[in-house]
Amino acid sequence: MPFSLNIPQNTPAPKKPWPKRFPVLLPLFVFLLLIIGYSLLNRSVAPPLIGIIPIEGVILESETIIKKIRELETNPQVKGIIVHINSPGGAVAPSQEIFSELIRIKSTKKVYASLSSVAASGGYYIAIGAEKIYANPGSLTGSIGVIMQSFNVQKLMNRLGINVEIIKSGENKDIGSAFRSMKMAERKLLESVLEDTHRQFVNAVLENRPIATDRMRFLADGRIFSGKQALQHGLIDGLAGFRETVEEMRNALGITEAVQLYYPLDKKDAILSMLDLESIFPIKKTFTYTGLFYLGSFLNY
């Protein structure tokens, strides 16, 4: 009788489907699909946005505002931008930088300015970078001028018996010093700087507003105007509050449905706002009040 030996052969086990082999990946995959689907759906049904950039208080720097402008520029859902200004003005360079940024961006997106209680001097400088400017009848604007302020505490120092020794590398290095009287030559030098800066302001207004050159002599002597007066002089385009300005932009964009207002958030501002550090330590506003300013005055009403 023939002898046979049956040796079992190792046959590969059938592979399990990948959901059973990797049970953790399935819910993650489904979750990812849901997120992508929600994002696409939300993008398709989300209302058009109008970006709002508030500019409040004395203008001392520009980088925060410029970051917000560029964020709105790159957001495809943002159809237009409204700069909501409530500022008496501020330092020259930051005002010019924000103005230049608005000039640049308005070639790709509509930019309007809405003037609140006050948008004077540097605040108005920023506004003329917009395509259109709207103000309330009682808004204060204008103040087209430049100011430089310094203190003279020489008599007080003499009374206290305090002498200040100054070592400088050049004749004008301590110009504007609070510890001595200003020389006539120094005053003339500073006046020439102010005149040049004022001329830059005037030229910016002439290039962006429908105002004749001879009229600017009257308008650019530092005086303020109400919103109603500003409209008569061509400094603004219309009388409207903030919500009315939003409607003006919505109509200009040809949007028939409701729009959503979008405020770009700055992380640093959000943290400072929560901590309310500026009210506790107003150091920045106290010790940066020096140099050239496009600065107007507050008027309570």
C-alpha atoms as a PDB file:
ATOM      1  CA  MET A   1       0.000   0.000   0.000  1.00  0.00           C
ATOM      2  CA  PRO A   2       1.505   3.232  -1.018  1.00  0.00           C
ATOM      3  CA  PHE A   3       2.385   5.602   1.768  1.00  0.00           C
ATOM      4  CA  SER A   4       1.596   9.323   1.440  1.00  0.00           C
ATOM      5  CA  LEU A   5       2.453  12.137   3.768  1.00  0.00           C
ATOM      6  CA  ASN A   6       0.190  15.168   3.673  1.00  0.00           C
ATOM      7  CA  ILE A   7       2.138  18.197   4.784  1.00  0.00           C
ATOM      8  CA  PRO A   8      -0.022  21.257   5.306  1.00  0.00           C
ATOM      9  CA  GLN A   9       1.090  24.238   3.255  1.00  0.00           C
ATOM     10  CA  ASN A  10       1.147  27.756   4.662  1.00  0.00           C
ATOM     11  CA  THR A  11      -1.314  29.737   2.643  1.00  0.00           C
ATOM     12  CA  PRO A  12      -1.357  33.509   3.068  1.00  0.00           C
ATOM     13  CA  ALA A  13      -4.316  34.751   5.056  1.00  0.00           C
ATOM     14  CA  PRO A  14      -6.677  36.981   3.102  1.00  0.00           C
ATOM     15  CA  LYS A  15      -5.947  40.639   3.653  1.00  0.00           C
ATOM     16  CA  LYS A  16      -8.463  42.557   5.678  1.00  0.00           C
ATOM     17  CA  PRO A  17      -9.910  45.708   4.157  1.00  0.00           C
ATOM     18  CA  TRP A  18      -8.002  48.831   5.240  1.00  0.00           C
ATOM     19  CA  PRO A  19     -10.791  50.134   7.514  1.00  0.00           C
ATOM     20  CA  LYS A  20     -10.411  47.003   9.645  1.00  0.00           C
ATOM     21  CA  ARG A  21      -6.637  47.114   9.579  1.00  0.00           C
ATOM     22  CA  PHE A  22      -6.512  50.794  10.502  1.00  0.00           C
ATOM     23  CA  PRO A  23      -9.696  51.446  12.465  1.00  0.00           C
ATOM     24  CA  VAL A  24      -8.478  54.838  13.691  1.00  0.00           C
ATOM     25  CA  LEU A  25      -8.020  56.262  10.190  1.00  0.00           C
ATOM     26  CA  LEU A  26     -11.615  55.800   9.051  1.00  0.00           C
ATOM     27  CA  PRO A  27     -13.228  58.369  11.405  1.00  0.00           C
ATOM     28  CA  LEU A  28     -10.353  60.775  10.720  1.00  0.00           C
ATOM     29  CA  PHE A  29     -10.870  60.403   6.978  1.00  0.00           C
ATOM     30  CA  VAL A  30     -14.613  60.982   7.297  1.00  0.00           C
ATOM     31  CA  PHE A  31     -14.003  64.000   9.543  1.00  0.00           C
ATOM     32  CA  LEU A  32     -11.582  65.464   6.985  1.00  0.00           C
ATOM     33  CA  LEU A  33     -14.113  65.012   4.180  1.00  0.00           C
ATOM     34  CA  LEU A  34     -16.789  66.733   6.272  1.00  0.00           C
ATOM     35  CA  ILE A  35     -14.501  69.702   6.962  1.00  0.00           C
ATOM     36  CA  ILE A  36     -13.581  70.096   3.288  1.00  0.00           C
ATOM     37  CA  GLY A  37     -17.235  69.817   2.266  1.00  0.00           C
ATOM     38  CA  TYR A  38     -18.319  72.358   4.876  1.00  0.00           C
ATOM     39  CA  SER A  39     -15.582  74.763   3.817  1.00  0.00           C
ATOM     40  CA  LEU A  40     -16.576  74.542   0.151  1.00  0.00           C
ATOM     41  CA  LEU A  41     -20.267  74.881   0.965  1.00  0.00           C
ATOM     42  CA  ASN A  42     -19.670  77.798   3.324  1.00  0.00           C
ATOM     43  CA  ARG A  43     -17.547  79.548   0.716  1.00  0.00           C
ATOM     44  CA  SER A  44     -20.249  79.171  -1.905  1.00  0.00           C
ATOM     45  CA  VAL A  45     -23.147  80.380   0.274  1.00  0.00           C
ATOM     46  CA  ALA A  46     -21.328  82.954   2.458  1.00  0.00           C
ATOM     47  CA  PRO A  47     -22.504  86.534   1.899  1.00  0.00           C
ATOM     48  CA  PRO A  48     -20.086  89.022   0.324  1.00  0.00           C
ATOM     49  CA  LEU A  49     -17.943  90.882   2.818  1.00  0.00           C
ATOM     50  CA  ILE A  50     -17.127  94.562   3.230  1.00  0.00           C
ATOM     51  CA  GLY A  51     -13.942  94.959   5.212  1.00  0.00           C
ATOM     52  CA  ILE A  52     -13.907  97.586   7.968  1.00  0.00           C
ATOM     53  CA  ILE A  53     -10.682  99.133   9.275  1.00  0.00           C
ATOM     54  CA  PRO A  54     -11.204 101.355  12.340  1.00  0.00           C
ATOM     55  CA  ILE A  55      -8.579 104.067  12.890  1.00  0.00           C
ATOM     56  CA  GLU A  56      -9.018 105.597  16.317  1.00  0.00           C
ATOM     57  CA  GLY A  57      -7.028 107.968  18.485  1.00  0.00           C
ATOM     58  CA  VAL A  58      -3.682 109.604  17.816  1.00  0.00           C
ATOM     59  CA  ILE A  59      -1.846 107.965  14.901  1.00  0.00           C
ATOM     60  CA  LEU A  60       1.590 106.945  16.115  1.00  0.00           C
ATOM     61  CA  GLU A  61       2.367 103.897  13.947  1.00  0.00           C
ATOM     62  CA  SER A  62       1.140 102.375  10.688  1.00  0.00           C
ATOM     63  CA  GLU A  63       2.161  98.711  10.633  1.00  0.00           C
ATOM     64  CA  THR A  64      -0.943  97.437  12.439  1.00  0.00           C
ATOM     65  CA  ILE A  65      -3.280  99.174   9.985  1.00  0.00           C
ATOM     66  CA  ILE A  66      -1.251  98.152   6.936  1.00  0.00           C
ATOM     67  CA  LYS A  67      -1.357  94.481   7.985  1.00  0.00           C
ATOM     68  CA  LYS A  68      -5.149  94.683   8.189  1.00  0.00           C
ATOM     69  CA  ILE A  69      -5.382  96.367   4.782  1.00  0.00           C
ATOM     70  CA  ARG A  70      -3.284  93.620   3.187  1.00  0.00           C
ATOM     71  CA  GLU A  71      -5.317  90.908   4.879  1.00  0.00           C
ATOM     72  CA  LEU A  72      -8.471  92.374   3.336  1.00  0.00           C
ATOM     73  CA  GLU A  73      -6.722  92.745  -0.011  1.00  0.00           C
ATOM     74  CA  THR A  74      -5.930  89.018  -0.234  1.00  0.00           C
ATOM     75  CA  ASN A  75      -9.375  87.849   0.937  1.00  0.00           C
ATOM     76  CA  PRO A  76     -11.451  87.084  -2.196  1.00  0.00           C
ATOM     77  CA  GLN A  77     -14.723  87.379  -0.263  1.00  0.00           C
ATOM     78  CA  VAL A  78     -13.979  91.009   0.649  1.00  0.00           C
ATOM     79  CA  LYS A  79     -15.433  93.122  -2.134  1.00  0.00           C
ATOM     80  CA  GLY A  80     -14.656  96.554  -0.720  1.00  0.00           C
ATOM     81  CA  ILE A  81     -13.005  98.322   2.214  1.00  0.00           C
ATOM     82  CA  ILE A  82     -14.256 101.128   4.442  1.00  0.00           C
ATOM     83  CA  VAL A  83     -11.775 103.014   6.604  1.00  0.00           C
ATOM     84  CA  HIS A  84     -13.721 104.219   9.653  1.00  0.00           C
ATOM     85  CA  ILE A  85     -11.746 107.164  11.041  1.00  0.00           C
ATOM     86  CA  ASN A  86     -12.113 108.759  14.450  1.00  0.00           C
ATOM     87  CA  SER A  87      -8.771 110.467  14.933  1.00  0.00           C
ATOM     88  CA  PRO A  88      -7.448 114.013  15.441  1.00  0.00           C
ATOM     89  CA  GLY A  89      -4.339 113.089  13.463  1.00  0.00           C
ATOM     90  CA  GLY A  90      -0.879 112.076  14.547  1.00  0.00           C
ATOM     91  CA  ALA A  91       2.681 111.586  13.384  1.00  0.00           C
ATOM     92  CA  VAL A  92       3.450 112.525   9.790  1.00  0.00           C
ATOM     93  CA  ALA A  93       5.167 109.383   8.498  1.00  0.00           C
ATOM     94  CA  PRO A  94       2.556 106.821   9.699  1.00  0.00           C
ATOM     95  CA  SER A  95      -0.248 108.962   8.256  1.00  0.00           C
ATOM     96  CA  GLN A  96       1.549 109.072   4.902  1.00  0.00           C
ATOM     97  CA  GLU A  97       2.230 105.325   4.930  1.00  0.00           C
ATOM     98  CA  ILE A  98      -1.424 104.424   5.521  1.00  0.00           C
ATOM     99  CA  PHE A  99      -2.478 106.956   2.868  1.00  0.00           C
ATOM    100  CA  SER A 100      -0.068 105.401   0.341  1.00  0.00           C
ATOM    101  CA  GLU A 101      -1.377 101.910   1.116  1.00  0.00           C
ATOM    102  CA  LEU A 102      -4.956 103.016   0.419  1.00  0.00           C
ATOM    103  CA  ILE A 103      -3.865 104.637  -2.849  1.00  0.00           C
ATOM    104  CA  ARG A 104      -2.226 101.360  -3.883  1.00  0.00           C
ATOM    105  CA  ILE A 105      -5.099  99.048  -2.985  1.00  0.00           C
ATOM    106  CA  LYS A 106      -7.936 101.098  -4.456  1.00  0.00           C
ATOM    107  CA  SER A 107      -6.797 100.085  -7.945  1.00  0.00           C
ATOM    108  CA  THR A 108      -8.005  96.551  -7.142  1.00  0.00           C
ATOM    109  CA  LYS A 109     -10.785  97.093  -4.569  1.00  0.00           C
ATOM    110  CA  LYS A 110     -13.151  99.923  -3.759  1.00  0.00           C
ATOM    111  CA  VAL A 111     -12.033 101.962  -0.758  1.00  0.00           C
ATOM    112  CA  TYR A 112     -14.316 104.431   1.017  1.00  0.00           C
ATOM    113  CA  ALA A 113     -13.644 106.557   4.103  1.00  0.00           C
ATOM    114  CA  SER A 114     -16.249 107.179   6.780  1.00  0.00           C
ATOM    115  CA  LEU A 115     -15.454 110.079   9.109  1.00  0.00           C
ATOM    116  CA  SER A 116     -16.768 109.754  12.659  1.00  0.00           C
ATOM    117  CA  SER A 117     -16.601 112.443  15.366  1.00  0.00           C
ATOM    118  CA  VAL A 118     -13.275 113.806  14.178  1.00  0.00           C
ATOM    119  CA  ALA A 119     -11.015 113.021  11.242  1.00  0.00           C
ATOM    120  CA  ALA A 120      -8.693 115.974  11.229  1.00  0.00           C
ATOM    121  CA  SER A 121      -5.179 116.601   9.995  1.00  0.00           C
ATOM    122  CA  GLY A 122      -3.475 113.170   9.755  1.00  0.00           C
ATOM    123  CA  GLY A 123      -6.908 111.548   9.990  1.00  0.00           C
ATOM    124  CA  TYR A 124      -8.012 113.536   6.947  1.00  0.00           C
ATOM    125  CA  TYR A 125      -4.696 112.816   5.194  1.00  0.00           C
ATOM    126  CA  ILE A 126      -5.538 109.099   5.406  1.00  0.00           C
ATOM    127  CA  ALA A 127      -9.101 109.712   4.205  1.00  0.00           C
ATOM    128  CA  ILE A 128      -8.035 111.351   0.936  1.00  0.00           C
ATOM    129  CA  GLY A 129      -6.440 108.038  -0.051  1.00  0.00           C
ATOM    130  CA  ALA A 130      -9.962 106.617  -0.407  1.00  0.00           C
ATOM    131  CA  GLU A 131     -12.056 106.742  -3.563  1.00  0.00           C
ATOM    132  CA  LYS A 132     -14.891 108.511  -1.728  1.00  0.00           C
ATOM    133  CA  ILE A 133     -15.161 110.261   1.640  1.00  0.00           C
ATOM    134  CA  TYR A 134     -18.364 110.489   3.687  1.00  0.00           C
ATOM    135  CA  ALA A 135     -18.899 112.344   6.957  1.00  0.00           C
ATOM    136  CA  ASN A 136     -21.683 113.233   9.344  1.00  0.00           C
ATOM    137  CA  PRO A 137     -22.872 116.866   9.144  1.00  0.00           C
ATOM    138  CA  GLY A 138     -21.302 117.482  12.550  1.00  0.00           C
ATOM    139  CA  SER A 139     -18.056 115.593  11.992  1.00  0.00           C
ATOM    140  CA  LEU A 140     -14.908 117.677  12.400  1.00  0.00           C
ATOM    141  CA  THR A 141     -12.358 117.422   9.620  1.00  0.00           C
ATOM    142  CA  GLY A 142      -9.802 119.454   7.730  1.00  0.00           C
ATOM    143  CA  SER A 143      -7.050 120.920   9.912  1.00  0.00           C
ATOM    144  CA  ILE A 144      -4.697 120.689   6.939  1.00  0.00           C
ATOM    145  CA  GLY A 145      -1.474 121.709   8.600  1.00  0.00           C
ATOM    146  CA  VAL A 146       1.603 120.604  10.496  1.00  0.00           C
ATOM    147  CA  ILE A 147       2.579 121.281  14.090  1.00  0.00           C
ATOM    148  CA  MET A 148       5.714 120.832  16.162  1.00  0.00           C
ATOM    149  CA  GLN A 149       5.696 121.492  19.877  1.00  0.00           C
ATOM    150  CA  SER A 150       8.490 121.778  22.424  1.00  0.00           C
ATOM    151  CA  PHE A 151       8.814 122.906  26.015  1.00  0.00           C
ATOM    152  CA  ASN A 152      11.153 125.423  27.579  1.00  0.00           C
ATOM    153  CA  VAL A 153      11.852 124.602  31.216  1.00  0.00           C
ATOM    154  CA  GLN A 154      14.989 126.720  31.514  1.00  0.00           C
ATOM    155  CA  LYS A 155      13.561 129.090  34.173  1.00  0.00           C
ATOM    156  CA  LEU A 156      12.239 126.180  36.212  1.00  0.00           C
ATOM    157  CA  MET A 157      15.625 124.444  36.064  1.00  0.00           C
ATOM    158  CA  ASN A 158      17.337 127.656  37.195  1.00  0.00           C
ATOM    159  CA  ARG A 159      15.008 127.943  40.174  1.00  0.00           C
ATOM    160  CA  LEU A 160      15.771 124.379  41.137  1.00  0.00           C
ATOM    161  CA  GLY A 161      19.477 125.002  40.760  1.00  0.00           C
ATOM    162  CA  ILE A 162      19.856 122.310  38.105  1.00  0.00           C
ATOM    163  CA  ASN A 163      22.295 122.792  35.259  1.00  0.00           C
ATOM    164  CA  VAL A 164      22.200 120.648  32.121  1.00  0.00           C
ATOM    165  CA  GLU A 165      25.494 119.968  30.360  1.00  0.00           C
ATOM    166  CA  ILE A 166      25.119 119.124  26.669  1.00  0.00           C
ATOM    167  CA  ILE A 167      27.855 117.611  24.509  1.00  0.00           C
ATOM    168  CA  LYS A 168      26.946 117.499  20.831  1.00  0.00           C
ATOM    169  CA  SER A 169      28.579 116.662  17.517  1.00  0.00           C
ATOM    170  CA  GLY A 170      26.966 119.434  15.504  1.00  0.00           C
ATOM    171  CA  GLU A 171      25.548 122.916  15.911  1.00  0.00           C
ATOM    172  CA  ASN A 172      21.915 121.800  15.489  1.00  0.00           C
ATOM    173  CA  LYS A 173      22.058 118.429  17.239  1.00  0.00           C
ATOM    174  CA  ASP A 174      20.109 119.669  20.277  1.00  0.00           C
ATOM    175  CA  ILE A 175      17.664 121.753  18.285  1.00  0.00           C
ATOM    176  CA  GLY A 176      14.348 122.062  20.124  1.00  0.00           C
ATOM    177  CA  SER A 177      15.976 121.389  23.486  1.00  0.00           C
ATOM    178  CA  ALA A 178      13.688 122.043  26.452  1.00  0.00           C
ATOM    179  CA  PHE A 179      16.596 123.285  28.536  1.00  0.00           C
ATOM    180  CA  ARG A 180      17.289 126.530  26.691  1.00  0.00           C
ATOM    181  CA  SER A 181      15.601 129.115  24.518  1.00  0.00           C
ATOM    182  CA  MET A 182      15.408 128.481  20.791  1.00  0.00           C
ATOM    183  CA  LYS A 183      17.677 130.547  18.585  1.00  0.00           C
ATOM    184  CA  MET A 184      16.223 132.438  15.619  1.00  0.00           C
ATOM    185  CA  ALA A 185      18.313 130.410  13.144  1.00  0.00           C
ATOM    186  CA  GLU A 186      16.979 127.200  14.687  1.00  0.00           C
ATOM    187  CA  ARG A 187      13.401 128.430  14.451  1.00  0.00           C
ATOM    188  CA  LYS A 188      13.856 129.233  10.767  1.00  0.00           C
ATOM    189  CA  LEU A 189      15.354 125.799  10.134  1.00  0.00           C
ATOM    190  CA  LEU A 190      12.384 124.064  11.780  1.00  0.00           C
ATOM    191  CA  GLU A 191       9.922 126.303   9.964  1.00  0.00           C
ATOM    192  CA  SER A 192      11.453 125.237   6.653  1.00  0.00           C
ATOM    193  CA  VAL A 193      10.921 121.584   7.596  1.00  0.00           C
ATOM    194  CA  LEU A 194       7.298 122.295   8.551  1.00  0.00           C
ATOM    195  CA  GLU A 195       6.699 124.228   5.327  1.00  0.00           C
ATOM    196  CA  ASP A 196       8.025 121.337   3.244  1.00  0.00           C
ATOM    197  CA  THR A 197       5.885 118.811   5.133  1.00  0.00           C
ATOM    198  CA  HIS A 198       2.845 121.079   4.835  1.00  0.00           C
ATOM    199  CA  ARG A 199       3.456 121.336   1.097  1.00  0.00           C
ATOM    200  CA  GLN A 200       3.411 117.532   0.865  1.00  0.00           C
ATOM    201  CA  PHE A 201       0.017 117.496   2.612  1.00  0.00           C
ATOM    202  CA  VAL A 202      -1.396 120.189   0.307  1.00  0.00           C
ATOM    203  CA  ASN A 203      -0.146 118.394  -2.823  1.00  0.00           C
ATOM    204  CA  ALA A 204      -1.720 115.127  -1.664  1.00  0.00           C
ATOM    205  CA  VAL A 205      -5.076 116.897  -1.259  1.00  0.00           C
ATOM    206  CA  LEU A 206      -4.799 118.579  -4.666  1.00  0.00           C
ATOM    207  CA  GLU A 207      -3.974 115.266  -6.357  1.00  0.00           C
ATOM    208  CA  ASN A 208      -6.877 113.398  -4.802  1.00  0.00           C
ATOM    209  CA  ARG A 209      -9.654 115.951  -4.330  1.00  0.00           C
ATOM    210  CA  PRO A 210     -11.419 118.181  -6.901  1.00  0.00           C
ATOM    211  CA  ILE A 211     -10.148 121.430  -5.384  1.00  0.00           C
ATOM    212  CA  ALA A 212      -8.526 124.313  -7.234  1.00  0.00           C
ATOM    213  CA  THR A 213      -5.017 125.310  -6.238  1.00  0.00           C
ATOM    214  CA  ASP A 214      -5.956 128.885  -5.323  1.00  0.00           C
ATOM    215  CA  ARG A 215      -8.690 127.592  -2.967  1.00  0.00           C
ATOM    216  CA  MET A 216      -6.155 125.541  -1.019  1.00  0.00           C
ATOM    217  CA  ARG A 217      -4.604 128.685   0.469  1.00  0.00           C
ATOM    218  CA  PHE A 218      -7.853 129.244   2.313  1.00  0.00           C
ATOM    219  CA  LEU A 219      -8.474 125.593   3.176  1.00  0.00           C
ATOM    220  CA  ALA A 220      -4.939 124.649   4.203  1.00  0.00           C
ATOM    221  CA  ASP A 221      -4.239 127.122   7.010  1.00  0.00           C
ATOM    222  CA  GLY A 222      -4.975 124.579   9.745  1.00  0.00           C
ATOM    223  CA  ARG A 223      -8.645 125.466  10.255  1.00  0.00           C
ATOM    224  CA  ILE A 224     -11.229 122.778  10.933  1.00  0.00           C
ATOM    225  CA  PHE A 225     -14.538 122.292   9.136  1.00  0.00           C
ATOM    226  CA  SER A 226     -17.798 120.634  10.004  1.00  0.00           C
ATOM    227  CA  GLY A 227     -18.898 117.841   7.719  1.00  0.00           C
ATOM    228  CA  LYS A 228     -21.418 120.174   6.103  1.00  0.00           C
ATOM    229  CA  GLN A 229     -18.759 122.830   5.456  1.00  0.00           C
ATOM    230  CA  ALA A 230     -16.306 120.204   4.190  1.00  0.00           C
ATOM    231  CA  LEU A 231     -18.845 119.095   1.584  1.00  0.00           C
ATOM    232  CA  GLN A 232     -19.296 122.683   0.387  1.00  0.00           C
ATOM    233  CA  HIS A 233     -15.527 123.034  -0.055  1.00  0.00           C
ATOM    234  CA  GLY A 234     -15.081 119.693  -1.841  1.00  0.00           C
ATOM    235  CA  LEU A 235     -13.118 118.087   0.982  1.00  0.00           C
ATOM    236  CA  ILE A 236     -15.607 115.192   1.141  1.00  0.00           C
ATOM    237  CA  ASP A 237     -18.065 113.559  -1.269  1.00  0.00           C
ATOM    238  CA  GLY A 238     -21.233 113.350   0.786  1.00  0.00           C
ATOM    239  CA  LEU A 239     -22.986 113.488   4.133  1.00  0.00           C
ATOM    240  CA  ALA A 240     -23.583 110.015   5.510  1.00  0.00           C
ATOM    241  CA  GLY A 241     -23.117 108.049   8.693  1.00  0.00           C
ATOM    242  CA  PHE A 242     -21.193 104.804   8.880  1.00  0.00           C
ATOM    243  CA  ARG A 243     -24.174 102.532   8.049  1.00  0.00           C
ATOM    244  CA  GLU A 244     -25.170 104.780   5.175  1.00  0.00           C
ATOM    245  CA  THR A 245     -21.607 104.580   3.857  1.00  0.00           C
ATOM    246  CA  VAL A 246     -21.860 100.787   3.931  1.00  0.00           C
ATOM    247  CA  GLU A 247     -25.046 101.030   1.857  1.00  0.00           C
ATOM    248  CA  GLU A 248     -23.372 103.425  -0.576  1.00  0.00           C
ATOM    249  CA  MET A 249     -20.567 100.908  -1.117  1.00  0.00           C
ATOM    250  CA  ARG A 250     -22.993  97.970  -1.435  1.00  0.00           C
ATOM    251  CA  ASN A 251     -24.891  99.811  -4.174  1.00  0.00           C
ATOM    252  CA  ALA A 252     -21.678 100.866  -5.930  1.00  0.00           C
ATOM    253  CA  LEU A 253     -20.513  97.237  -5.953  1.00  0.00           C
ATOM    254  CA  GLY A 254     -23.818  96.140  -7.452  1.00  0.00           C
ATOM    255  CA  ILE A 255     -24.553  93.775  -4.571  1.00  0.00           C
ATOM    256  CA  THR A 256     -28.286  93.157  -4.174  1.00  0.00           C
ATOM    257  CA  GLU A 257     -28.209  90.836  -1.175  1.00  0.00           C
ATOM    258  CA  ALA A 258     -27.169  91.694   2.370  1.00  0.00           C
ATOM    259  CA  VAL A 259     -23.471  92.133   3.048  1.00  0.00           C
ATOM    260  CA  GLN A 260     -21.540  91.135   6.124  1.00  0.00           C
ATOM    261  CA  LEU A 261     -19.082  93.496   7.789  1.00  0.00           C
ATOM    262  CA  TYR A 262     -15.690  91.950   8.409  1.00  0.00           C
ATOM    263  CA  TYR A 263     -13.228  93.413  10.915  1.00  0.00           C
ATOM    264  CA  PRO A 264      -9.713  91.930  10.570  1.00  0.00           C
ATOM    265  CA  LEU A 265      -8.410  91.120  14.025  1.00  0.00           C
ATOM    266  CA  ASP A 266      -4.914  91.960  15.146  1.00  0.00           C
ATOM    267  CA  LYS A 267      -3.682  89.494  17.786  1.00  0.00           C
ATOM    268  CA  LYS A 268      -1.656  92.122  19.631  1.00  0.00           C
ATOM    269  CA  ASP A 269      -4.604  94.510  19.760  1.00  0.00           C
ATOM    270  CA  ALA A 270      -6.881  91.731  20.995  1.00  0.00           C
ATOM    271  CA  ILE A 271      -4.541  90.882  23.883  1.00  0.00           C
ATOM    272  CA  LEU A 272      -4.021  94.542  24.841  1.00  0.00           C
ATOM    273  CA  SER A 273      -7.764  95.115  24.689  1.00  0.00           C
ATOM    274  CA  MET A 274      -8.457  92.212  27.037  1.00  0.00           C
ATOM    275  CA  LEU A 275      -5.780  93.326  29.479  1.00  0.00           C
ATOM    276  CA  ASP A 276      -6.665  97.038  29.053  1.00  0.00           C
ATOM    277  CA  LEU A 277      -2.990  97.894  29.471  1.00  0.00           C
ATOM    278  CA  GLU A 278      -3.194 101.304  27.806  1.00  0.00           C
ATOM    279  CA  SER A 279      -5.512 102.651  30.493  1.00  0.00           C
ATOM    280  CA  ILE A 280      -3.154 101.377  33.188  1.00  0.00           C
ATOM    281  CA  PHE A 281       0.141 102.350  31.569  1.00  0.00           C
ATOM    282  CA  PRO A 282      -0.420 105.300  29.186  1.00  0.00           C
ATOM    283  CA  ILE A 283       3.346 105.531  28.671  1.00  0.00           C
ATOM    284  CA  LYS A 284       3.321 105.234  24.891  1.00  0.00           C
ATOM    285  CA  LYS A 285       0.996 108.196  24.418  1.00  0.00           C
ATOM    286  CA  THR A 286       2.895 110.254  26.995  1.00  0.00           C
ATOM    287  CA  PHE A 287       6.440 109.846  25.741  1.00  0.00           C
ATOM    288  CA  THR A 288       5.911 109.756  21.974  1.00  0.00           C
ATOM    289  CA  TYR A 289       4.434 113.253  21.769  1.00  0.00           C
ATOM    290  CA  THR A 290       7.450 114.685  20.040  1.00  0.00           C
ATOM    291  CA  GLY A 291       8.346 115.404  16.438  1.00  0.00           C
ATOM    292  CA  LEU A 292       6.216 116.465  13.482  1.00  0.00           C
ATOM    293  CA  PHE A 293       2.484 115.918  13.722  1.00  0.00           C
ATOM    294  CA  TYR A 294      -0.538 116.276  11.506  1.00  0.00           C
ATOM    295  CA  LEU A 295      -2.635 116.922  14.583  1.00  0.00           C
ATOM    296  CA  GLY A 296      -5.980 118.640  15.037  1.00  0.00           C
ATOM    297  CA  SER A 297      -7.919 119.631  18.142  1.00  0.00           C
ATOM    298  CA  PHE A 298     -10.904 118.033  19.782  1.00  0.00           C
ATOM    299  CA  LEU A 299     -14.128 120.015  19.975  1.00  0.00           C
ATOM    300  CA  ASN A 300     -16.906 118.701  22.200  1.00  0.00           C
ATOM    301  CA  TYR A 301     -20.431 119.039  20.883  1.00  0.00           C
END
